[in-house]
Amino acid sequence: MLADHIGISKLRDMASKSERLEVDVRLADLPRVAGLLYPNLEASDQQIALRFDFRRGMQGLPAINGSASGFIDLGCQRCLGLLHWPVDLEFSLTVVQSEVEL
């Protein structure tokens, strides 16, 4: 659970301050994604931009709104050529510590 990894108190603090976190993540550091990349390219050069906005959500629970954007070079399963795939995802999460909070 994300709350266990970061710590629910840290999440609540970040939400109360409406903090924003922006990072670029190398695809080579994401093993599940790196395994899908086009085999003849260097994955260490490719990055995805991540943005996390920490807010107080419903009933004061920490909420995270974010996005992931960039491009991923995949291998086309039909022609086996390079497929330059755009990534433009948005997400919204509410973090609870237990099912009682849910």
C-alpha atoms as a PDB file:
ATOM      1  CA  MET A   1       0.000   0.000   0.000  1.00  0.00           C
ATOM      2  CA  LEU A   2       1.261   3.491  -0.858  1.00  0.00           C
ATOM      3  CA  ALA A   3       0.470   4.743   2.637  1.00  0.00           C
ATOM      4  CA  ASP A   4       2.773   2.116   4.148  1.00  0.00           C
ATOM      5  CA  HIS A   5       5.557   2.902   1.686  1.00  0.00           C
ATOM      6  CA  ILE A   6       5.532   6.679   2.160  1.00  0.00           C
ATOM      7  CA  GLY A   7       3.818   6.902   5.515  1.00  0.00           C
ATOM      8  CA  ILE A   8       0.304   8.170   6.028  1.00  0.00           C
ATOM      9  CA  SER A   9       1.507  11.041   8.215  1.00  0.00           C
ATOM     10  CA  LYS A  10       3.826  12.244   5.427  1.00  0.00           C
ATOM     11  CA  LEU A  11       0.972  11.996   2.906  1.00  0.00           C
ATOM     12  CA  ARG A  12      -1.344  13.983   5.162  1.00  0.00           C
ATOM     13  CA  ASP A  13       1.357  16.624   5.653  1.00  0.00           C
ATOM     14  CA  MET A  14       1.942  16.920   1.902  1.00  0.00           C
ATOM     15  CA  ALA A  15      -1.812  17.136   1.280  1.00  0.00           C
ATOM     16  CA  SER A  16      -2.304  19.837   3.910  1.00  0.00           C
ATOM     17  CA  LYS A  17       0.430  21.919   2.240  1.00  0.00           C
ATOM     18  CA  SER A  18      -0.937  21.253  -1.283  1.00  0.00           C
ATOM     19  CA  GLU A  19       2.509  20.143  -2.415  1.00  0.00           C
ATOM     20  CA  ARG A  20       3.404  19.293  -5.992  1.00  0.00           C
ATOM     21  CA  LEU A  21       6.051  16.791  -6.987  1.00  0.00           C
ATOM     22  CA  GLU A  22       7.395  16.661 -10.543  1.00  0.00           C
ATOM     23  CA  VAL A  23       9.920  14.027 -11.572  1.00  0.00           C
ATOM     24  CA  ASP A  24      11.308  12.514 -14.736  1.00  0.00           C
ATOM     25  CA  VAL A  25      11.657   8.748 -14.485  1.00  0.00           C
ATOM     26  CA  ARG A  26      13.978   6.771 -16.724  1.00  0.00           C
ATOM     27  CA  LEU A  27      12.185   3.875 -18.382  1.00  0.00           C
ATOM     28  CA  ALA A  28      15.215   1.694 -17.648  1.00  0.00           C
ATOM     29  CA  ASP A  29      14.353   2.104 -13.940  1.00  0.00           C
ATOM     30  CA  LEU A  30      10.887   0.601 -14.519  1.00  0.00           C
ATOM     31  CA  PRO A  31      11.583  -3.107 -15.137  1.00  0.00           C
ATOM     32  CA  ARG A  32       8.053  -4.017 -16.206  1.00  0.00           C
ATOM     33  CA  VAL A  33       8.008  -1.208 -18.779  1.00  0.00           C
ATOM     34  CA  ALA A  34      11.640  -1.691 -19.848  1.00  0.00           C
ATOM     35  CA  GLY A  35      10.834  -5.261 -20.875  1.00  0.00           C
ATOM     36  CA  LEU A  36       8.293  -3.953 -23.406  1.00  0.00           C
ATOM     37  CA  LEU A  37      10.588  -1.449 -25.102  1.00  0.00           C
ATOM     38  CA  TYR A  38      11.873  -1.770 -28.656  1.00  0.00           C
ATOM     39  CA  PRO A  39      14.893  -4.070 -28.392  1.00  0.00           C
ATOM     40  CA  ASN A  40      17.370  -2.086 -30.500  1.00  0.00           C
ATOM     41  CA  LEU A  41      17.140   1.215 -28.606  1.00  0.00           C
ATOM     42  CA  GLU A  42      18.820   2.317 -25.408  1.00  0.00           C
ATOM     43  CA  ALA A  43      16.123   2.522 -22.702  1.00  0.00           C
ATOM     44  CA  SER A  44      18.278   4.642 -20.383  1.00  0.00           C
ATOM     45  CA  ASP A  45      17.747   7.685 -22.634  1.00  0.00           C
ATOM     46  CA  GLN A  46      13.960   7.503 -22.543  1.00  0.00           C
ATOM     47  CA  GLN A  47      11.996   9.223 -19.775  1.00  0.00           C
ATOM     48  CA  ILE A  48       8.435   9.734 -18.650  1.00  0.00           C
ATOM     49  CA  ALA A  49       7.451  12.960 -16.879  1.00  0.00           C
ATOM     50  CA  LEU A  50       5.374  12.386 -13.734  1.00  0.00           C
ATOM     51  CA  ARG A  51       3.436  15.019 -11.779  1.00  0.00           C
ATOM     52  CA  PHE A  52       1.792  14.459  -8.402  1.00  0.00           C
ATOM     53  CA  ASP A  53      -0.466  17.060  -6.770  1.00  0.00           C
ATOM     54  CA  PHE A  54      -1.202  16.305  -3.122  1.00  0.00           C
ATOM     55  CA  ARG A  55      -4.474  17.753  -1.815  1.00  0.00           C
ATOM     56  CA  ARG A  56      -7.007  17.235   0.902  1.00  0.00           C
ATOM     57  CA  GLY A  57      -9.807  15.250  -0.601  1.00  0.00           C
ATOM     58  CA  MET A  58     -13.210  14.250   0.654  1.00  0.00           C
ATOM     59  CA  GLN A  59     -13.536  14.181   4.432  1.00  0.00           C
ATOM     60  CA  GLY A  60      -9.973  15.471   4.823  1.00  0.00           C
ATOM     61  CA  LEU A  61      -8.363  12.329   3.417  1.00  0.00           C
ATOM     62  CA  PRO A  62      -5.166  12.803   1.389  1.00  0.00           C
ATOM     63  CA  ALA A  63      -5.798  12.830  -2.351  1.00  0.00           C
ATOM     64  CA  ILE A  64      -3.289  12.585  -5.171  1.00  0.00           C
ATOM     65  CA  ASN A  65      -4.017  13.938  -8.636  1.00  0.00           C
ATOM     66  CA  GLY A  66      -1.347  13.328 -11.188  1.00  0.00           C
ATOM     67  CA  SER A  67      -0.252  12.713 -14.705  1.00  0.00           C
ATOM     68  CA  ALA A  68       2.284  10.794 -16.736  1.00  0.00           C
ATOM     69  CA  SER A  69       3.427  12.057 -20.124  1.00  0.00           C
ATOM     70  CA  GLY A  70       6.066  11.352 -22.698  1.00  0.00           C
ATOM     71  CA  PHE A  71       6.749   8.736 -25.342  1.00  0.00           C
ATOM     72  CA  ILE A  72       7.585   5.046 -25.153  1.00  0.00           C
ATOM     73  CA  ASP A  73       9.337   3.275 -28.028  1.00  0.00           C
ATOM     74  CA  LEU A  74       7.677  -0.120 -28.334  1.00  0.00           C
ATOM     75  CA  GLY A  75       7.998  -2.960 -30.801  1.00  0.00           C
ATOM     76  CA  CYS A  76       4.966  -3.299 -33.074  1.00  0.00           C
ATOM     77  CA  GLN A  77       3.548  -6.799 -32.740  1.00  0.00           C
ATOM     78  CA  ARG A  78       2.291  -6.760 -36.322  1.00  0.00           C
ATOM     79  CA  CYS A  79       5.297  -5.532 -38.323  1.00  0.00           C
ATOM     80  CA  LEU A  80       7.976  -5.823 -35.568  1.00  0.00           C
ATOM     81  CA  GLY A  81       9.087  -2.262 -36.349  1.00  0.00           C
ATOM     82  CA  LEU A  82       9.481   0.717 -34.037  1.00  0.00           C
ATOM     83  CA  LEU A  83       6.269   2.180 -32.607  1.00  0.00           C
ATOM     84  CA  HIS A  84       6.722   5.621 -30.996  1.00  0.00           C
ATOM     85  CA  TRP A  85       3.756   5.498 -28.570  1.00  0.00           C
ATOM     86  CA  PRO A  86       2.554   8.691 -26.839  1.00  0.00           C
ATOM     87  CA  VAL A  87       1.796   8.505 -23.122  1.00  0.00           C
ATOM     88  CA  ASP A  88      -0.688  11.033 -21.743  1.00  0.00           C
ATOM     89  CA  LEU A  89      -2.386   9.698 -18.620  1.00  0.00           C
ATOM     90  CA  GLU A  90      -4.129  11.390 -15.727  1.00  0.00           C
ATOM     91  CA  PHE A  91      -5.146   9.795 -12.459  1.00  0.00           C
ATOM     92  CA  SER A  92      -6.807  10.643  -9.184  1.00  0.00           C
ATOM     93  CA  LEU A  93      -6.397   8.654  -5.974  1.00  0.00           C
ATOM     94  CA  THR A  94      -7.693   8.984  -2.437  1.00  0.00           C
ATOM     95  CA  VAL A  95      -5.458   7.358   0.164  1.00  0.00           C
ATOM     96  CA  VAL A  96      -7.059   5.632   3.135  1.00  0.00           C
ATOM     97  CA  GLN A  97      -5.263   3.973   6.007  1.00  0.00           C
ATOM     98  CA  SER A  98      -7.896   1.307   6.635  1.00  0.00           C
ATOM     99  CA  GLU A  99     -11.202   0.015   5.316  1.00  0.00           C
ATOM    100  CA  VAL A 100     -12.945   1.932   8.091  1.00  0.00           C
ATOM    101  CA  GLU A 101     -11.817   5.230   6.478  1.00  0.00           C
ATOM    102  CA  LEU A 102     -13.056   3.955   3.136  1.00  0.00           C
END
